Amino acid sequence: MTEARRALLHAALLLVGAVGLSWPAAVAGADTMVGRHFDLQGTIWFISMARRLGADGLDPLTGWPGGASYARLDSFTLALIARLSPGVPAVQLHNLLQVIGVWLTALAAERCAAGMGARGPWSLLAGLSYGGSGLAASALLEGHVYHLLDPGLPLCLWAWWRAGLPGGRPAHGALAGLGFGLALWTTAYHGVVAAILVGVIGMAALLRRELRPGPALTALGVALLMGAPYVALFSAGEGGSGAGVAPPGGGLLSFAPPSPAVDADGHSLSAHLPATIGALAALSPLVLGRAPGWGRLAAAGALCAVLTLGPTLSPPRGAPTYLPAALLGLVDPAGHFRFPLRFAWGSALIAAALGARVAAALALRAPRAALALFPLLLVDLVFWGGMPARQRSAPAGAPTSYAAAPEGLGVLDLLPAPIAGQDEPAARQQALVCSYQVWHQRPLLDDCIRPQPAHNPRLAATAALLAALESGDGAAWLAEARIGAVALHPDLFSPGDAARLRAALAGLDPAPVVSVDQGTLVELYRAPAGDTP
């Protein structure tokens, strides 16, 4: 079989694996959301919003009435894909991107491993392991599908590794710079991981005097060409939680296989790697001891793994041990990189590439026995990693009562005030009401990208409305704020608070539009027609 036919066969097999690991996303269509956690709703809203976002980064339908600035996006790659597919419903596009994302991630890792010497079919082990890793599963379950739309990180790793070996050419450097740029525009986390891999591998190549100026300068030039516009947009945009570096959720346990508890608290953060590929990668010193360049790969993967552990390791007794990730608080005081777990994208990719290369070397000695690695890896993915059984499906849509809100005027969702120091419930509520906008298309007061209550203009507007209702000026306040309706979510309040709010809002609209679809009760109170512009 020629190399081209083998590559096509591998791509087809990985597509079958992607459909299986992301199931039922391939058949869900436009009426069913596939995932598990509330960021899924936020990503679906993001796809819808990206299609109307202006060149100045201003979204006129959130942060009403002035609009909200989204110049600093979580993923410019996802925004571009959304803009280029206007006819595909946001939910359906997200479902399709789950399949495409797993396939693209797996295919890029397989090609990376093949380029590093893992001949077929053993390069498939790298693709399946990386596409079925804990972080890939987390991206599906949490709705961060854009993390999977990044062939740039594997491209950067292979090209930069090859540029630092004898015979490295400027073309390798150009591909490495291109891969870095693609990773950065996909998500800043992947860009930082690419920078870490480039730094460690490049330093090792320099120490051995194997990295020549041509590839290095070419890589730097392409990286600057692609990175400078991103840095300019990032600097001009608003964002940053100010929360500092957050632990990844378990230290060493982050690398353990996911348990039911991982999926129970609103997140599915896990950096586990299939045991088969992990064991193969651990054999690298024995099997690849004399192979060129494997040591620098292992060093870069080890650094990513250490960063994944977070800022500290806390023993049962005694003072915590500070780790290198604690230094992120010095270089990133605004706390943009609050999830060190995502640095495991680097260690997972390198482990997959090294493991596949070890498998290829072992297969030369015992080819039939090596074939058992494929069923073992399948057991890892399905029974250890738990995919796709961990996926969930939910109906997509907005409560029908929103359709009664006047067009061209804002909708103020009336929700409980957040508890100080507990941002998670507020983020869930925001993701929910922002996702409703995908269908009702009315302006919202929420800033739908920044989940922190301090950055949400809806909270100040809610307090102002309640004060106006108490003084009898509710209708005048709504008219001044250009709000056409108030959407009360009574089930989220205590019975007494819900009754008091209903009584106050009845002065605006004694016959609210009530709906109980989409699994929630919403009462829509319209502003008096004569008091709204």
Protein backbone atom coordinates (compact mmCIF):
# COMPACT_ATOMS: atom_id res chain seq x y z
CA MET A 1 0.00 0.00 0.00
CA THR A 2 1.34 3.42 -0.96
CA GLU A 3 1.84 6.06 1.70
CA ALA A 4 -0.93 8.23 0.23
CA ARG A 5 -3.46 5.39 0.34
CA ARG A 6 -2.40 4.50 3.86
CA ALA A 7 -2.94 8.11 4.95
CA LEU A 8 -6.42 8.14 3.40
CA LEU A 9 -7.29 4.85 5.10
CA HIS A 10 -6.10 6.20 8.44
CA ALA A 11 -8.18 9.35 7.94
CA ALA A 12 -11.27 7.24 7.24
CA LEU A 13 -10.71 5.04 10.28
CA LEU A 14 -10.21 8.07 12.51
CA LEU A 15 -13.44 9.57 11.19
CA VAL A 16 -15.29 6.43 12.27
CA GLY A 17 -13.64 6.76 15.67
CA ALA A 18 -14.64 10.43 15.90
CA VAL A 19 -18.27 9.62 15.17
CA GLY A 20 -18.21 6.97 17.89
CA LEU A 21 -16.46 9.04 20.56
CA SER A 22 -18.75 12.06 20.03
CA TRP A 23 -21.98 10.09 19.60
CA PRO A 24 -24.82 11.10 19.26
CA ALA A 25 -23.56 14.42 17.87
CA ALA A 26 -23.41 13.08 14.30
CA VAL A 27 -27.17 12.45 14.19
CA ALA A 28 -28.47 15.05 16.67
CA GLY A 29 -29.48 17.70 14.13
CA ALA A 30 -30.61 21.25 14.92
CA ASP A 31 -33.09 20.53 17.73
CA THR A 32 -30.87 18.68 20.20
CA MET A 33 -27.88 19.93 22.17
CA VAL A 34 -25.21 17.30 22.80
CA GLY A 35 -22.87 17.76 25.73
CA ARG A 36 -23.24 17.83 29.47
CA HIS A 37 -22.51 21.17 31.14
CA PHE A 38 -23.62 24.78 31.00
CA ASP A 39 -20.74 26.11 28.89
CA LEU A 40 -22.34 24.16 26.04
CA GLN A 41 -25.15 26.72 26.04
CA GLY A 42 -22.65 29.55 26.09
CA THR A 43 -20.77 28.17 23.09
CA ILE A 44 -23.97 27.79 21.08
CA TRP A 45 -24.76 31.43 21.86
CA PHE A 46 -21.18 32.35 20.82
CA ILE A 47 -21.73 30.76 17.39
CA SER A 48 -24.92 32.76 16.92
CA MET A 49 -23.34 36.00 18.16
CA ALA A 50 -20.26 35.68 15.94
CA ARG A 51 -22.48 35.93 12.86
CA ARG A 52 -23.62 39.44 13.80
CA LEU A 53 -20.46 40.75 15.44
CA GLY A 54 -19.23 44.00 13.93
CA ALA A 55 -15.71 44.72 12.73
CA ASP A 56 -15.22 46.83 15.88
CA GLY A 57 -15.94 43.80 18.06
CA LEU A 58 -19.23 45.30 19.29
CA ASP A 59 -22.32 43.14 19.67
CA PRO A 60 -25.39 45.39 19.66
CA LEU A 61 -27.74 42.76 21.10
CA THR A 62 -26.02 42.20 24.45
CA GLY A 63 -25.05 44.68 27.11
CA TRP A 64 -28.19 46.54 26.03
CA PRO A 65 -28.67 49.34 25.14
CA GLY A 66 -25.04 50.31 24.46
CA GLY A 67 -23.86 46.89 23.26
CA ALA A 68 -20.99 44.79 24.57
CA SER A 69 -17.41 44.71 23.29
CA TYR A 70 -16.15 41.26 22.37
CA ALA A 71 -12.87 42.15 20.69
CA ARG A 72 -11.16 39.55 22.88
CA LEU A 73 -12.84 36.29 21.89
CA ASP A 74 -12.30 32.85 23.38
CA SER A 75 -11.70 31.49 19.88
CA PHE A 76 -11.33 33.50 16.72
CA THR A 77 -11.23 30.24 14.80
CA LEU A 78 -14.72 29.28 15.99
CA ALA A 79 -15.96 32.81 15.21
CA LEU A 80 -14.63 32.54 11.65
CA ILE A 81 -16.23 29.12 11.15
CA ALA A 82 -19.56 30.54 12.36
CA ARG A 83 -19.31 33.48 9.96
CA LEU A 84 -18.55 31.17 7.04
CA SER A 85 -21.58 28.93 7.71
CA PRO A 86 -24.51 31.34 8.14
CA GLY A 87 -27.10 28.89 6.88
CA VAL A 88 -26.35 26.18 9.47
CA PRO A 89 -28.31 26.51 12.74
CA ALA A 90 -26.02 27.16 15.70
CA VAL A 91 -26.93 23.94 17.52
CA GLN A 92 -26.45 21.82 14.42
CA LEU A 93 -23.13 23.47 13.66
CA HIS A 94 -21.94 22.79 17.21
CA ASN A 95 -22.95 19.14 16.88
CA LEU A 96 -21.14 18.80 13.57
CA LEU A 97 -18.05 20.50 14.98
CA GLN A 98 -17.91 17.90 17.75
CA VAL A 99 -17.43 15.18 15.14
CA ILE A 100 -15.15 17.26 12.93
CA GLY A 101 -13.16 18.45 15.94
CA VAL A 102 -12.41 14.98 17.31
CA TRP A 103 -11.53 13.79 13.81
CA LEU A 104 -9.30 16.80 13.09
CA THR A 105 -7.55 16.49 16.46
CA ALA A 106 -6.96 12.78 16.00
CA LEU A 107 -5.85 13.12 12.38
CA ALA A 108 -3.37 15.90 13.17
CA ALA A 109 -1.86 13.85 16.00
CA GLU A 110 -1.64 10.79 13.75
CA ARG A 111 0.17 12.76 11.05
CA CYS A 112 2.47 14.27 13.69
CA ALA A 113 3.40 10.82 14.99
CA ALA A 114 3.89 9.51 11.46
CA GLY A 115 6.23 12.40 10.73
CA MET A 116 8.23 11.52 13.83
CA GLY A 117 8.81 7.96 12.68
CA ALA A 118 5.73 6.02 13.86
CA ARG A 119 4.89 4.18 10.64
CA GLY A 120 1.41 2.88 9.97
CA PRO A 121 -0.70 1.40 11.37
CA TRP A 122 0.93 2.33 14.68
CA SER A 123 0.53 6.05 14.08
CA LEU A 124 -3.21 5.41 14.53
CA LEU A 125 -2.52 4.81 18.20
CA ALA A 126 -1.42 8.43 18.54
CA GLY A 127 -4.51 9.76 16.79
CA LEU A 128 -6.96 7.68 18.78
CA SER A 129 -5.20 8.40 22.07
CA TYR A 130 -5.06 12.17 21.55
CA GLY A 131 -8.56 12.44 20.11
CA GLY A 132 -9.89 10.25 22.91
CA SER A 133 -7.90 11.82 25.74
CA GLY A 134 -9.41 13.26 28.89
CA LEU A 135 -9.07 16.83 27.64
CA ALA A 136 -10.78 15.97 24.35
CA ALA A 137 -13.64 14.42 26.31
CA SER A 138 -13.81 17.50 28.53
CA ALA A 139 -14.03 19.71 25.44
CA LEU A 140 -17.06 17.72 24.27
CA LEU A 141 -18.80 17.52 27.62
CA GLU A 142 -18.24 21.14 28.64
CA GLY A 143 -19.03 22.63 25.25
CA HIS A 144 -15.51 23.90 24.55
CA VAL A 145 -15.57 22.39 21.08
CA TYR A 146 -13.12 24.98 19.75
CA HIS A 147 -10.31 23.27 21.67
CA LEU A 148 -10.70 20.41 19.20
CA LEU A 149 -10.46 22.58 16.09
CA ASP A 150 -6.71 22.92 16.29
CA PRO A 151 -4.44 21.00 13.91
CA GLY A 152 -1.94 23.79 14.55
CA LEU A 153 -0.50 22.41 17.79
CA PRO A 154 0.50 19.02 16.30
CA LEU A 155 1.81 20.82 13.20
CA CYS A 156 3.89 23.17 15.34
CA LEU A 157 5.28 20.29 17.40
CA TRP A 158 6.32 18.16 14.42
CA ALA A 159 7.73 21.01 12.33
CA TRP A 160 9.71 22.58 15.17
CA TRP A 161 11.05 19.20 16.29
CA ARG A 162 12.11 18.49 12.71
CA ALA A 163 13.63 21.97 12.31
CA GLY A 164 15.96 21.26 15.25
CA LEU A 165 17.31 18.00 13.83
CA PRO A 166 20.10 17.65 11.28
CA GLY A 167 18.74 18.62 7.89
CA GLY A 168 16.19 21.05 9.30
CA ARG A 169 15.18 23.62 6.69
CA PRO A 170 13.53 27.05 6.72
CA ALA A 171 10.36 25.38 5.42
CA HIS A 172 10.15 23.47 8.71
CA GLY A 173 10.52 26.72 10.59
CA ALA A 174 7.76 28.34 8.52
CA LEU A 175 5.41 25.43 9.26
CA ALA A 176 6.25 25.65 12.96
CA GLY A 177 5.41 29.37 12.99
CA LEU A 178 2.20 28.67 11.09
CA GLY A 179 1.21 25.97 13.56
CA PHE A 180 1.86 28.30 16.48
CA GLY A 181 -0.32 30.99 14.89
CA LEU A 182 -3.17 28.56 14.21
CA ALA A 183 -3.02 27.29 17.79
CA LEU A 184 -3.07 30.82 19.21
CA TRP A 185 -6.05 31.95 17.14
CA THR A 186 -7.92 28.78 18.10
CA THR A 187 -7.52 29.45 21.82
CA ALA A 188 -4.90 31.27 23.86
CA TYR A 189 -4.32 28.12 25.93
CA HIS A 190 -3.11 26.21 22.88
CA GLY A 191 -0.95 29.16 21.90
CA VAL A 192 0.75 29.14 25.30
CA VAL A 193 1.20 25.35 25.12
CA ALA A 194 2.79 25.74 21.69
CA ALA A 195 5.13 28.41 23.08
CA ILE A 196 6.18 26.05 25.90
CA LEU A 197 6.89 23.22 23.46
CA VAL A 198 8.84 25.55 21.17
CA GLY A 199 10.87 26.90 24.09
CA VAL A 200 11.91 23.54 25.53
CA ILE A 201 12.57 21.79 22.22
CA GLY A 202 14.36 24.83 20.81
CA MET A 203 16.60 25.17 23.88
CA ALA A 204 17.59 21.50 23.64
CA ALA A 205 18.37 21.86 19.94
CA LEU A 206 20.46 24.97 20.60
CA LEU A 207 22.45 23.24 23.33
CA ARG A 208 23.28 20.45 20.90
CA ARG A 209 24.00 23.01 18.16
CA GLU A 210 21.44 21.40 15.86
CA LEU A 211 19.11 24.37 15.35
CA ARG A 212 20.35 26.52 12.51
CA PRO A 213 19.57 30.24 12.07
CA GLY A 214 17.50 29.74 8.90
CA PRO A 215 14.71 27.60 10.40
CA ALA A 216 14.75 29.55 13.68
CA LEU A 217 14.47 32.99 12.08
CA THR A 218 11.80 31.80 9.64
CA ALA A 219 9.73 30.36 12.48
CA LEU A 220 10.09 33.57 14.45
CA GLY A 221 9.05 35.71 11.48
CA VAL A 222 5.92 33.68 10.70
CA ALA A 223 4.99 33.49 14.40
CA LEU A 224 5.29 37.25 14.78
CA LEU A 225 3.31 37.83 11.60
CA MET A 226 0.42 35.72 12.91
CA GLY A 227 0.76 36.54 16.59
CA ALA A 228 1.04 40.34 16.45
CA PRO A 229 -2.59 40.94 15.32
CA TYR A 230 -3.82 38.59 18.02
CA VAL A 231 -1.86 40.41 20.72
CA ALA A 232 -3.24 43.73 19.46
CA LEU A 233 -6.83 42.47 19.65
CA PHE A 234 -6.26 40.89 23.02
CA SER A 235 -4.76 44.07 24.43
CA ALA A 236 -7.60 46.23 23.09
CA GLY A 237 -10.36 43.94 24.34
CA GLU A 238 -11.84 43.64 27.78
CA GLY A 239 -11.53 40.55 29.94
CA GLY A 240 -9.65 38.88 32.74
CA SER A 241 -11.28 37.65 35.89
CA GLY A 242 -8.79 38.91 38.40
CA ALA A 243 -9.21 35.56 40.13
CA GLY A 244 -5.61 34.42 39.82
CA VAL A 245 -4.54 30.90 39.01
CA ALA A 246 -7.09 28.26 39.95
CA PRO A 247 -6.12 24.66 40.79
CA PRO A 248 -7.03 22.20 38.04
CA GLY A 249 -9.26 20.22 40.37
CA GLY A 250 -7.22 17.50 41.98
CA GLY A 251 -3.45 17.73 41.52
CA LEU A 252 -2.17 14.25 40.72
CA LEU A 253 -5.76 13.00 40.61
CA SER A 254 -6.25 15.12 37.49
CA PHE A 255 -4.43 12.39 35.57
CA ALA A 256 -6.62 9.63 37.00
CA PRO A 257 -9.41 8.13 34.89
CA PRO A 258 -12.69 10.05 35.21
CA SER A 259 -15.03 8.92 37.95
CA PRO A 260 -18.76 9.75 38.24
CA ALA A 261 -17.80 12.57 40.60
CA VAL A 262 -15.86 14.29 37.80
CA ASP A 263 -19.08 14.81 35.83
CA ALA A 264 -21.33 15.60 38.80
CA ASP A 265 -20.40 19.16 39.76
CA GLY A 266 -20.97 21.04 36.53
CA HIS A 267 -17.57 20.35 35.01
CA SER A 268 -15.70 17.40 33.55
CA LEU A 269 -12.10 18.44 34.07
CA SER A 270 -9.78 15.49 33.54
CA ALA A 271 -6.33 15.23 31.97
CA HIS A 272 -6.23 11.44 31.89
CA LEU A 273 -4.43 9.69 29.06
CA PRO A 274 -5.36 6.19 27.88
CA ALA A 275 -3.29 3.71 29.89
CA THR A 276 -2.09 1.89 26.77
CA ILE A 277 -0.42 4.91 25.22
CA GLY A 278 0.84 6.10 28.62
CA ALA A 279 2.58 2.78 29.22
CA LEU A 280 4.11 2.84 25.76
CA ALA A 281 5.37 6.39 26.24
CA ALA A 282 6.93 5.37 29.56
CA LEU A 283 9.04 2.84 27.65
CA SER A 284 10.64 5.58 25.54
CA PRO A 285 13.96 5.61 27.45
CA LEU A 286 14.36 1.88 26.87
CA VAL A 287 13.12 1.62 23.30
CA LEU A 288 14.11 5.01 21.85
CA GLY A 289 17.28 5.61 23.82
CA ARG A 290 19.43 6.25 20.75
CA ALA A 291 16.80 7.74 18.48
CA PRO A 292 17.42 11.41 17.69
CA GLY A 293 15.25 14.03 19.32
CA TRP A 294 13.09 11.92 21.61
CA GLY A 295 14.64 13.29 24.81
CA ARG A 296 13.68 16.89 24.06
CA LEU A 297 10.11 15.75 23.35
CA ALA A 298 9.97 13.99 26.69
CA ALA A 299 11.32 17.07 28.48
CA ALA A 300 8.69 19.34 26.89
CA GLY A 301 5.92 16.87 27.76
CA ALA A 302 7.15 16.60 31.34
CA LEU A 303 7.08 20.38 31.78
CA CYS A 304 3.49 20.55 30.49
CA ALA A 305 2.52 17.75 32.89
CA VAL A 306 4.07 19.59 35.86
CA LEU A 307 2.25 22.80 34.91
CA THR A 308 -0.98 20.79 34.71
CA LEU A 309 -0.74 19.99 38.42
CA GLY A 310 -1.48 23.61 39.25
CA PRO A 311 0.22 26.04 41.61
CA THR A 312 0.50 23.75 44.64
CA LEU A 313 0.38 20.18 45.87
CA SER A 314 -1.40 20.10 49.21
CA PRO A 315 -0.50 17.13 51.44
CA PRO A 316 -2.95 15.85 54.09
CA ARG A 317 -0.81 17.53 56.76
CA GLY A 318 1.76 20.27 56.53
CA ALA A 319 2.39 23.21 54.26
CA PRO A 320 1.61 22.98 50.54
CA THR A 321 4.39 22.50 48.03
CA TYR A 322 4.55 25.25 45.43
CA LEU A 323 4.96 24.18 41.81
CA PRO A 324 6.04 26.03 38.64
CA ALA A 325 2.43 26.92 37.79
CA ALA A 326 2.45 29.25 40.79
CA LEU A 327 4.70 31.55 38.74
CA LEU A 328 1.78 32.17 36.38
CA GLY A 329 0.45 34.55 38.99
CA LEU A 330 3.49 36.74 38.39
CA VAL A 331 3.37 36.82 34.60
CA ASP A 332 -0.44 36.78 34.43
CA PRO A 333 -1.73 38.87 37.36
CA ALA A 334 -5.18 39.25 35.74
CA GLY A 335 -5.72 35.51 35.99
CA HIS A 336 -6.46 34.79 32.33
CA PHE A 337 -5.00 31.28 32.56
CA ARG A 338 -7.12 30.04 35.42
CA PHE A 339 -7.20 26.39 34.36
CA PRO A 340 -3.68 24.88 34.38
CA LEU A 341 -5.29 21.55 33.50
CA ARG A 342 -5.34 22.67 29.86
CA PHE A 343 -1.55 22.62 29.70
CA ALA A 344 -2.01 18.85 29.48
CA TRP A 345 -2.78 19.27 25.78
CA GLY A 346 1.00 19.43 25.34
CA SER A 347 1.82 16.40 27.47
CA ALA A 348 -1.02 14.38 25.91
CA LEU A 349 0.18 15.13 22.38
CA ILE A 350 3.78 14.25 23.13
CA ALA A 351 2.83 11.08 25.00
CA ALA A 352 0.68 10.02 22.04
CA ALA A 353 3.50 10.64 19.55
CA LEU A 354 6.16 8.90 21.66
CA GLY A 355 3.85 6.00 22.48
CA ALA A 356 3.06 5.40 18.81
CA ARG A 357 6.75 5.53 17.95
CA VAL A 358 7.54 2.98 20.68
CA ALA A 359 4.74 0.74 19.39
CA ALA A 360 6.17 0.89 15.89
CA ALA A 361 9.60 -0.08 17.22
CA LEU A 362 8.19 -2.96 19.29
CA ALA A 363 6.18 -4.19 16.31
CA LEU A 364 9.45 -4.87 14.45
CA ARG A 365 10.25 -7.50 17.09
CA ALA A 366 6.78 -8.96 17.66
CA PRO A 367 4.34 -7.76 14.98
CA ARG A 368 1.45 -10.08 15.88
CA ALA A 369 1.66 -9.40 19.59
CA ALA A 370 1.76 -5.66 18.92
CA LEU A 371 -1.63 -5.85 17.21
CA ALA A 372 -3.16 -6.45 20.66
CA LEU A 373 -2.46 -2.78 21.41
CA PHE A 374 -5.48 -1.73 19.35
CA PRO A 375 -8.16 -3.65 21.33
CA LEU A 376 -6.43 -2.58 24.55
CA LEU A 377 -6.67 1.05 23.46
CA LEU A 378 -10.33 0.59 22.55
CA VAL A 379 -10.99 -0.68 26.07
CA ASP A 380 -9.18 2.40 27.41
CA LEU A 381 -11.27 4.82 25.40
CA VAL A 382 -14.70 3.27 25.97
CA PHE A 383 -14.51 1.72 29.43
CA TRP A 384 -11.77 3.77 31.11
CA GLY A 385 -12.39 7.13 29.48
CA GLY A 386 -16.14 6.56 29.42
CA MET A 387 -16.91 8.11 26.05
CA PRO A 388 -19.43 8.38 24.51
CA ALA A 389 -21.56 7.14 27.43
CA ARG A 390 -20.80 10.34 29.37
CA GLN A 391 -22.47 12.48 26.70
CA ARG A 392 -25.97 13.85 27.33
CA SER A 393 -28.66 15.21 25.02
CA ALA A 394 -31.17 17.99 25.72
CA PRO A 395 -33.83 19.76 23.65
CA ALA A 396 -32.68 23.02 22.10
CA GLY A 397 -34.78 26.17 22.05
CA ALA A 398 -36.11 29.07 24.11
CA PRO A 399 -39.28 29.24 26.22
CA THR A 400 -42.10 30.34 23.93
CA SER A 401 -43.07 33.25 26.18
CA TYR A 402 -40.07 35.23 24.88
CA ALA A 403 -41.81 35.48 21.49
CA ALA A 404 -44.26 37.95 23.05
CA ALA A 405 -41.48 40.44 23.83
CA PRO A 406 -41.49 43.50 21.51
CA GLU A 407 -38.85 43.38 18.80
CA GLY A 408 -36.13 46.02 18.88
CA LEU A 409 -36.33 46.47 22.65
CA GLY A 410 -34.38 44.76 25.39
CA VAL A 411 -35.47 41.86 27.58
CA LEU A 412 -34.46 41.99 31.23
CA ASP A 413 -34.25 38.50 32.75
CA LEU A 414 -35.16 38.67 36.42
CA LEU A 415 -32.99 36.15 38.28
CA PRO A 416 -31.81 35.79 41.90
CA ALA A 417 -28.86 37.94 42.94
CA PRO A 418 -25.59 35.98 43.07
CA ILE A 419 -24.14 34.98 46.42
CA ALA A 420 -20.89 36.77 47.20
CA GLY A 421 -17.88 34.63 46.40
CA GLN A 422 -19.91 32.06 44.45
CA ASP A 423 -19.73 32.89 40.76
CA GLU A 424 -20.71 29.47 39.47
CA PRO A 425 -24.53 29.77 39.88
CA ALA A 426 -24.44 33.18 38.22
CA ALA A 427 -22.45 31.76 35.30
CA ARG A 428 -24.99 28.96 34.86
CA GLN A 429 -27.88 31.43 34.82
CA GLN A 430 -26.10 33.68 32.35
CA ALA A 431 -25.29 30.82 29.98
CA LEU A 432 -28.95 29.78 30.07
CA VAL A 433 -30.53 33.17 29.30
CA CYS A 434 -27.87 33.97 26.69
CA SER A 435 -28.54 30.69 24.92
CA TYR A 436 -32.26 31.56 24.75
CA GLN A 437 -31.30 34.57 22.64
CA VAL A 438 -30.21 32.23 19.85
CA TRP A 439 -33.92 31.63 19.22
CA HIS A 440 -35.80 34.71 20.43
CA GLN A 441 -33.24 37.26 19.04
CA ARG A 442 -34.25 40.02 21.46
CA PRO A 443 -31.53 42.27 22.95
CA LEU A 444 -30.24 41.23 26.39
CA LEU A 445 -28.68 43.22 29.19
CA ASP A 446 -26.14 40.47 29.93
CA ASP A 447 -22.51 40.59 28.90
CA CYS A 448 -22.55 37.02 27.67
CA ILE A 449 -18.78 36.44 27.44
CA ARG A 450 -17.64 37.47 30.90
CA PRO A 451 -19.46 35.33 33.50
CA GLN A 452 -18.30 37.20 36.61
CA PRO A 453 -21.18 39.04 38.33
CA ALA A 454 -19.08 42.20 38.68
CA HIS A 455 -19.02 42.47 34.87
CA ASN A 456 -22.72 41.73 34.26
CA PRO A 457 -24.78 44.89 33.60
CA ARG A 458 -27.99 42.94 34.16
CA LEU A 459 -27.41 42.92 37.92
CA ALA A 460 -27.26 46.72 38.22
CA ALA A 461 -30.31 47.03 35.96
CA THR A 462 -32.22 44.53 38.10
CA ALA A 463 -31.50 46.53 41.25
CA ALA A 464 -32.59 49.75 39.50
CA LEU A 465 -35.82 48.16 38.26
CA LEU A 466 -36.73 46.83 41.71
CA ALA A 467 -36.16 50.27 43.21
CA ALA A 468 -38.29 51.86 40.49
CA LEU A 469 -41.09 49.34 41.02
CA GLU A 470 -41.07 50.06 44.74
CA SER A 471 -41.44 53.80 44.10
CA GLY A 472 -44.08 53.32 41.43
CA ASP A 473 -41.83 54.44 38.54
CA GLY A 474 -41.27 51.04 36.96
CA ALA A 475 -42.89 51.86 33.61
CA ALA A 476 -40.93 55.11 33.27
CA TRP A 477 -37.68 53.35 34.10
CA LEU A 478 -38.29 50.63 31.48
CA ALA A 479 -39.03 53.27 28.87
CA GLU A 480 -35.84 55.16 29.64
CA ALA A 481 -33.78 51.95 29.55
CA ARG A 482 -35.45 50.90 26.27
CA ILE A 483 -36.61 47.61 27.78
CA GLY A 484 -39.75 46.12 26.33
CA ALA A 485 -40.27 43.14 28.65
CA VAL A 486 -39.19 41.60 31.93
CA ALA A 487 -38.77 37.80 32.00
CA LEU A 488 -39.32 36.47 35.51
CA HIS A 489 -37.94 33.02 36.35
CA PRO A 490 -40.05 32.36 39.49
CA ASP A 491 -38.85 28.80 40.13
CA LEU A 492 -35.39 30.15 40.95
CA PHE A 493 -36.73 32.30 43.80
CA SER A 494 -38.21 31.32 47.14
CA PRO A 495 -42.02 31.17 47.08
CA GLY A 496 -42.29 34.39 49.12
CA ASP A 497 -39.88 36.34 46.88
CA ALA A 498 -41.60 35.04 43.74
CA ALA A 499 -44.99 36.19 45.06
CA ARG A 500 -43.70 39.67 45.86
CA LEU A 501 -42.08 40.03 42.45
CA ARG A 502 -45.27 38.91 40.71
CA ALA A 503 -47.28 41.46 42.64
CA ALA A 504 -44.88 44.26 41.73
CA LEU A 505 -44.69 43.30 38.06
CA ALA A 506 -48.45 42.97 37.77
CA GLY A 507 -48.59 46.75 37.87
CA LEU A 508 -46.78 46.73 34.53
CA ASP A 509 -48.62 43.83 32.91
CA PRO A 510 -51.56 42.20 34.72
CA ALA A 511 -51.68 39.39 32.12
CA PRO A 512 -48.13 38.09 31.62
CA VAL A 513 -47.35 35.50 28.98
CA VAL A 514 -46.48 32.25 30.75
CA SER A 515 -44.67 29.25 29.30
CA VAL A 516 -43.44 26.02 30.88
CA ASP A 517 -41.58 24.51 27.93
CA GLN A 518 -37.82 23.90 27.70
CA GLY A 519 -37.94 22.56 31.26
CA THR A 520 -38.41 25.95 32.89
CA LEU A 521 -41.19 28.33 33.94
CA VAL A 522 -40.91 31.83 32.47
CA GLU A 523 -43.40 34.66 32.99
CA LEU A 524 -42.98 37.53 30.52
CA TYR A 525 -44.26 40.94 31.69
CA ARG A 526 -44.46 43.46 28.87
CA ALA A 527 -43.86 47.15 29.47
CA PRO A 528 -46.97 49.30 28.99
CA ALA A 529 -47.22 50.03 25.27
CA GLY A 530 -47.62 53.76 25.76
CA ASP A 531 -44.46 54.03 27.85
CA THR A 532 -41.99 52.41 25.47
CA PRO A 533 -40.49 54.20 22.48
